[in-house]
């Protein structure tokens, strides 16, 4: 433990655990949305190429 820091209370530990879990969940959601957006952009690009040829 670093000097000047007090140990976390049980409530703080519980909140920290919840926040870490929530953070992991949000990262997964972000990754899924990025894949969907990338796929959509690729589909639109393909569709536009077909129209111009």
PDB file of N, CA and C in Angstrom:
ATOM      1  N   UNK A   1       0.846  -1.182   0.000  1.00  0.00           N
ATOM      2  CA  UNK A   1       0.000   0.000   0.000  1.00  0.00           C
ATOM      3  C   UNK A   1       0.888   1.241   0.000  1.00  0.00           C
ATOM      4  N   UNK A   2       0.520   2.218  -0.813  1.00  0.00           N
ATOM      5  CA  UNK A   2       1.307   3.448  -0.899  1.00  0.00           C
ATOM      6  C   UNK A   2       1.044   4.324   0.318  1.00  0.00           C
ATOM      7  N   UNK A   3       2.040   5.120   0.676  1.00  0.00           N
ATOM      8  CA  UNK A   3       1.903   6.026   1.812  1.00  0.00           C
ATOM      9  C   UNK A   3       0.800   7.044   1.541  1.00  0.00           C
ATOM     10  N   UNK A   4      -0.015   7.311   2.554  1.00  0.00           N
ATOM     11  CA  UNK A   4      -1.061   8.315   2.414  1.00  0.00           C
ATOM     12  C   UNK A   4      -2.384   7.764   1.894  1.00  0.00           C
ATOM     13  N   UNK A   5      -2.419   6.488   1.506  1.00  0.00           N
ATOM     14  CA  UNK A   5      -3.652   5.899   0.995  1.00  0.00           C
ATOM     15  C   UNK A   5      -4.268   5.009   2.068  1.00  0.00           C
ATOM     16  N   UNK A   6      -5.579   5.132   2.221  1.00  0.00           N
ATOM     17  CA  UNK A   6      -6.268   4.279   3.183  1.00  0.00           C
ATOM     18  C   UNK A   6      -6.880   3.100   2.437  1.00  0.00           C
ATOM     19  N   UNK A   7      -7.022   1.966   3.100  1.00  0.00           N
ATOM     20  CA  UNK A   7      -7.631   0.805   2.447  1.00  0.00           C
ATOM     21  C   UNK A   7      -9.090   1.093   2.073  1.00  0.00           C
ATOM     22  N   UNK A   8      -9.553   0.411   1.055  1.00  0.00           N
ATOM     23  CA  UNK A   8     -10.943   0.582   0.623  1.00  0.00           C
ATOM     24  C   UNK A   8     -11.896  -0.033   1.634  1.00  0.00           C
ATOM     25  N   UNK A   9     -13.056   0.599   1.780  1.00  0.00           N
ATOM     26  CA  UNK A   9     -14.100   0.021   2.613  1.00  0.00           C
ATOM     27  C   UNK A   9     -14.760  -1.114   1.833  1.00  0.00           C
ATOM     28  N   UNK A  10     -15.557  -1.894   2.508  1.00  0.00           N
ATOM     29  CA  UNK A  10     -16.266  -2.991   1.846  1.00  0.00           C
ATOM     30  C   UNK A  10     -17.183  -2.454   0.749  1.00  0.00           C
ATOM     31  N   UNK A  11     -17.875  -1.341   1.020  1.00  0.00           N
ATOM     32  CA  UNK A  11     -18.742  -0.727   0.007  1.00  0.00           C
ATOM     33  C   UNK A  11     -17.937  -0.273  -1.209  1.00  0.00           C
ATOM     34  N   UNK A  12     -16.766   0.295  -0.962  1.00  0.00           N
ATOM     35  CA  UNK A  12     -15.916   0.753  -2.066  1.00  0.00           C
ATOM     36  C   UNK A  12     -15.399  -0.430  -2.889  1.00  0.00           C
ATOM     37  N   UNK A  13     -15.050  -1.515  -2.213  1.00  0.00           N
ATOM     38  CA  UNK A  13     -14.610  -2.721  -2.922  1.00  0.00           C
ATOM     39  C   UNK A  13     -15.737  -3.287  -3.783  1.00  0.00           C
ATOM     40  N   UNK A  14     -16.935  -3.293  -3.241  1.00  0.00           N
ATOM     41  CA  UNK A  14     -18.104  -3.786  -3.982  1.00  0.00           C
ATOM     42  C   UNK A  14     -18.360  -2.909  -5.197  1.00  0.00           C
ATOM     43  N   UNK A  15     -18.298  -1.596  -5.011  1.00  0.00           N
ATOM     44  CA  UNK A  15     -18.511  -0.675  -6.129  1.00  0.00           C
ATOM     45  C   UNK A  15     -17.413  -0.831  -7.182  1.00  0.00           C
ATOM     46  N   UNK A  16     -16.178  -0.978  -6.753  1.00  0.00           N
ATOM     47  CA  UNK A  16     -15.061  -1.153  -7.683  1.00  0.00           C
ATOM     48  C   UNK A  16     -15.252  -2.426  -8.505  1.00  0.00           C
ATOM     49  N   UNK A  17     -15.656  -3.498  -7.863  1.00  0.00           N
ATOM     50  CA  UNK A  17     -15.908  -4.750  -8.579  1.00  0.00           C
ATOM     51  C   UNK A  17     -17.029  -4.560  -9.605  1.00  0.00           C
ATOM     52  N   UNK A  18     -18.108  -3.885  -9.199  1.00  0.00           N
ATOM     53  CA  UNK A  18     -19.225  -3.625 -10.123  1.00  0.00           C
ATOM     54  C   UNK A  18     -18.760  -2.765 -11.307  1.00  0.00           C
ATOM     55  N   UNK A  19     -17.978  -1.726 -11.020  1.00  0.00           N
ATOM     56  CA  UNK A  19     -17.494  -0.840 -12.086  1.00  0.00           C
ATOM     57  C   UNK A  19     -16.578  -1.580 -13.056  1.00  0.00           C
ATOM     58  N   UNK A  20     -15.747  -2.466 -12.551  1.00  0.00           N
ATOM     59  CA  UNK A  20     -14.884  -3.258 -13.433  1.00  0.00           C
ATOM     60  C   UNK A  20     -15.714  -4.175 -14.320  1.00  0.00           C
ATOM     61  N   UNK A  21     -16.728  -4.790 -13.746  1.00  0.00           N
ATOM     62  CA  UNK A  21     -17.624  -5.658 -14.527  1.00  0.00           C
ATOM     63  C   UNK A  21     -18.354  -4.843 -15.585  1.00  0.00           C
ATOM     64  N   UNK A  22     -18.871  -3.693 -15.203  1.00  0.00           N
ATOM     65  CA  UNK A  22     -19.578  -2.812 -16.137  1.00  0.00           C
ATOM     66  C   UNK A  22     -18.634  -2.354 -17.251  1.00  0.00           C
ATOM     67  N   UNK A  23     -17.407  -2.027 -16.899  1.00  0.00           N
ATOM     68  CA  UNK A  23     -16.420  -1.590 -17.873  1.00  0.00           C
ATOM     69  C   UNK A  23     -16.140  -2.696 -18.896  1.00  0.00           C
ATOM     70  N   UNK A  24     -15.982  -3.928 -18.421  1.00  0.00           N
ATOM     71  CA  UNK A  24     -15.778  -5.060 -19.326  1.00  0.00           C
ATOM     72  C   UNK A  24     -16.962  -5.218 -20.273  1.00  0.00           C
ATOM     73  N   UNK A  25     -18.174  -5.115 -19.734  1.00  0.00           N
ATOM     74  CA  UNK A  25     -19.388  -5.239 -20.537  1.00  0.00           C
ATOM     75  C   UNK A  25     -19.458  -4.145 -21.600  1.00  0.00           C
ATOM     76  N   UNK A  26     -19.128  -2.920 -21.207  1.00  0.00           N
ATOM     77  CA  UNK A  26     -19.163  -1.803 -22.160  1.00  0.00           C
ATOM     78  C   UNK A  26     -18.114  -1.965 -23.259  1.00  0.00           C
ATOM     79  N   UNK A  27     -16.968  -2.520 -22.919  1.00  0.00           N
ATOM     80  CA  UNK A  27     -15.943  -2.783 -23.944  1.00  0.00           C
ATOM     81  C   UNK A  27     -16.453  -3.795 -24.964  1.00  0.00           C
ATOM     82  N   UNK A  28     -17.119  -4.830 -24.485  1.00  0.00           N
ATOM     83  CA  UNK A  28     -17.686  -5.833 -25.396  1.00  0.00           C
ATOM     84  C   UNK A  28     -18.729  -5.185 -26.300  1.00  0.00           C
ATOM     85  N   UNK A  29     -19.610  -4.376 -25.727  1.00  0.00           N
ATOM     86  CA  UNK A  29     -20.621  -3.685 -26.538  1.00  0.00           C
ATOM     87  C   UNK A  29     -19.961  -2.796 -27.585  1.00  0.00           C
ATOM     88  N   UNK A  30     -18.937  -2.055 -27.196  1.00  0.00           N
ATOM     89  CA  UNK A  30     -18.230  -1.184 -28.127  1.00  0.00           C
ATOM     90  C   UNK A  30     -17.635  -1.986 -29.279  1.00  0.00           C
ATOM     91  N   UNK A  31     -16.998  -3.106 -28.945  1.00  0.00           N
ATOM     92  CA  UNK A  31     -16.387  -3.935 -29.978  1.00  0.00           C
ATOM     93  C   UNK A  31     -17.427  -4.474 -30.947  1.00  0.00           C
ATOM     94  N   UNK A  32     -18.571  -4.892 -30.431  1.00  0.00           N
ATOM     95  CA  UNK A  32     -19.653  -5.397 -31.284  1.00  0.00           C
ATOM     96  C   UNK A  32     -20.153  -4.284 -32.192  1.00  0.00           C
ATOM     97  N   UNK A  33     -20.393  -3.110 -31.631  1.00  0.00           N
ATOM     98  CA  UNK A  33     -20.892  -1.989 -32.435  1.00  0.00           C
ATOM     99  C   UNK A  33     -19.890  -1.574 -33.507  1.00  0.00           C
ATOM    100  N   UNK A  34     -18.601  -1.615 -33.183  1.00  0.00           N
ATOM    101  CA  UNK A  34     -17.583  -1.287 -34.185  1.00  0.00           C
ATOM    102  C   UNK A  34     -17.606  -2.295 -35.330  1.00  0.00           C
ATOM    103  N   UNK A  35     -17.776  -3.572 -35.009  1.00  0.00           N
ATOM    104  CA  UNK A  35     -17.854  -4.601 -36.056  1.00  0.00           C
ATOM    105  C   UNK A  35     -19.081  -4.396 -36.928  1.00  0.00           C
ATOM    106  N   UNK A  36     -20.200  -4.088 -36.297  1.00  0.00           N
ATOM    107  CA  UNK A  36     -21.438  -3.859 -37.053  1.00  0.00           C
ATOM    108  C   UNK A  36     -21.274  -2.634 -37.952  1.00  0.00           C
ATOM    109  N   UNK A  37     -20.745  -1.552 -37.411  1.00  0.00           N
ATOM    110  CA  UNK A  37     -20.571  -0.323 -38.187  1.00  0.00           C
ATOM    111  C   UNK A  37     -19.610  -0.544 -39.345  1.00  0.00           C
ATOM    112  N   UNK A  38     -18.539  -1.277 -39.097  1.00  0.00           N
ATOM    113  CA  UNK A  38     -17.576  -1.567 -40.155  1.00  0.00           C
ATOM    114  C   UNK A  38     -18.221  -2.403 -41.248  1.00  0.00           C
ATOM    115  N   UNK A  39     -18.984  -3.398 -40.865  1.00  0.00           N
ATOM    116  CA  UNK A  39     -19.683  -4.234 -41.843  1.00  0.00           C
ATOM    117  C   UNK A  39     -20.685  -3.425 -42.643  1.00  0.00           C
ATOM    118  N   UNK A  40     -21.424  -2.556 -41.975  1.00  0.00           N
ATOM    119  CA  UNK A  40     -22.405  -1.703 -42.659  1.00  0.00           C
ATOM    120  C   UNK A  40     -21.704  -0.788 -43.655  1.00  0.00           C
ATOM    121  N   UNK A  41     -20.600  -0.166 -43.230  1.00  0.00           N
ATOM    122  CA  UNK A  41     -19.861   0.734 -44.124  1.00  0.00           C
ATOM    123  C   UNK A  41     -19.339  -0.031 -45.335  1.00  0.00           C
ATOM    124  N   UNK A  42     -18.870  -1.244 -45.115  1.00  0.00           N
ATOM    125  CA  UNK A  42     -18.376  -2.067 -46.215  1.00  0.00           C
ATOM    126  C   UNK A  42     -19.517  -2.400 -47.179  1.00  0.00           C
ATOM    127  N   UNK A  43     -20.679  -2.754 -46.640  1.00  0.00           N
ATOM    128  CA  UNK A  43     -21.842  -3.068 -47.473  1.00  0.00           C
ATOM    129  C   UNK A  43     -22.278  -1.862 -48.301  1.00  0.00           C
ATOM    130  N   UNK A  44     -22.300  -0.690 -47.693  1.00  0.00           N
ATOM    131  CA  UNK A  44     -22.698   0.532 -48.409  1.00  0.00           C
ATOM    132  C   UNK A  44     -21.692   0.838 -49.511  1.00  0.00           C
ATOM    133  N   UNK A  45     -20.407   0.690 -49.196  1.00  0.00           N
ATOM    134  CA  UNK A  45     -19.367   0.940 -50.197  1.00  0.00           C
ATOM    135  C   UNK A  45     -19.525  -0.015 -51.377  1.00  0.00           C
ATOM    136  N   UNK A  46     -19.780  -1.273 -51.107  1.00  0.00           N
ATOM    137  CA  UNK A  46     -19.980  -2.270 -52.164  1.00  0.00           C
ATOM    138  C   UNK A  46     -21.195  -1.908 -53.007  1.00  0.00           C
ATOM    139  N   UNK A  47     -22.277  -1.511 -52.357  1.00  0.00           N
ATOM    140  CA  UNK A  47     -23.497  -1.137 -53.071  1.00  0.00           C
ATOM    141  C   UNK A  47     -23.240   0.078 -53.976  1.00  0.00           C
ATOM    142  N   UNK A  48     -22.513   1.062 -53.478  1.00  0.00           N
ATOM    143  CA  UNK A  48     -22.227   2.260 -54.268  1.00  0.00           C
ATOM    144  C   UNK A  48     -21.336   1.942 -55.464  1.00  0.00           C
ATOM    145  N   UNK A  49     -20.385   1.050 -55.298  1.00  0.00           N
ATOM    146  CA  UNK A  49     -19.533   0.643 -56.424  1.00  0.00           C
ATOM    147  C   UNK A  49     -20.352  -0.019 -57.513  1.00  0.00           C
ATOM    148  N   UNK A  50     -21.297  -0.852 -57.121  1.00  0.00           N
ATOM    149  CA  UNK A  50     -22.133  -1.547 -58.110  1.00  0.00           C
ATOM    150  C   UNK A  50     -22.989  -0.549 -58.896  1.00  0.00           C
ATOM    151  N   UNK A  51     -23.457   0.483 -58.256  1.00  0.00           N
ATOM    152  CA  UNK A  51     -24.284   1.472 -58.928  1.00  0.00           C
ATOM    153  C   UNK A  51     -23.509   2.278 -59.975  1.00  0.00           C
ATOM    154  N   UNK A  52     -22.225   2.503 -59.698  1.00  0.00           N
ATOM    155  CA  UNK A  52     -21.418   3.356 -60.583  1.00  0.00           C
ATOM    156  C   UNK A  52     -20.721   2.590 -61.694  1.00  0.00           C
ATOM    157  N   UNK A  53     -20.872   1.267 -61.724  1.00  0.00           N
ATOM    158  CA  UNK A  53     -20.209   0.473 -62.769  1.00  0.00           C
ATOM    159  C   UNK A  53     -21.182  -0.082 -63.732  1.00  0.00           C
TER     160      UNK A  53
END
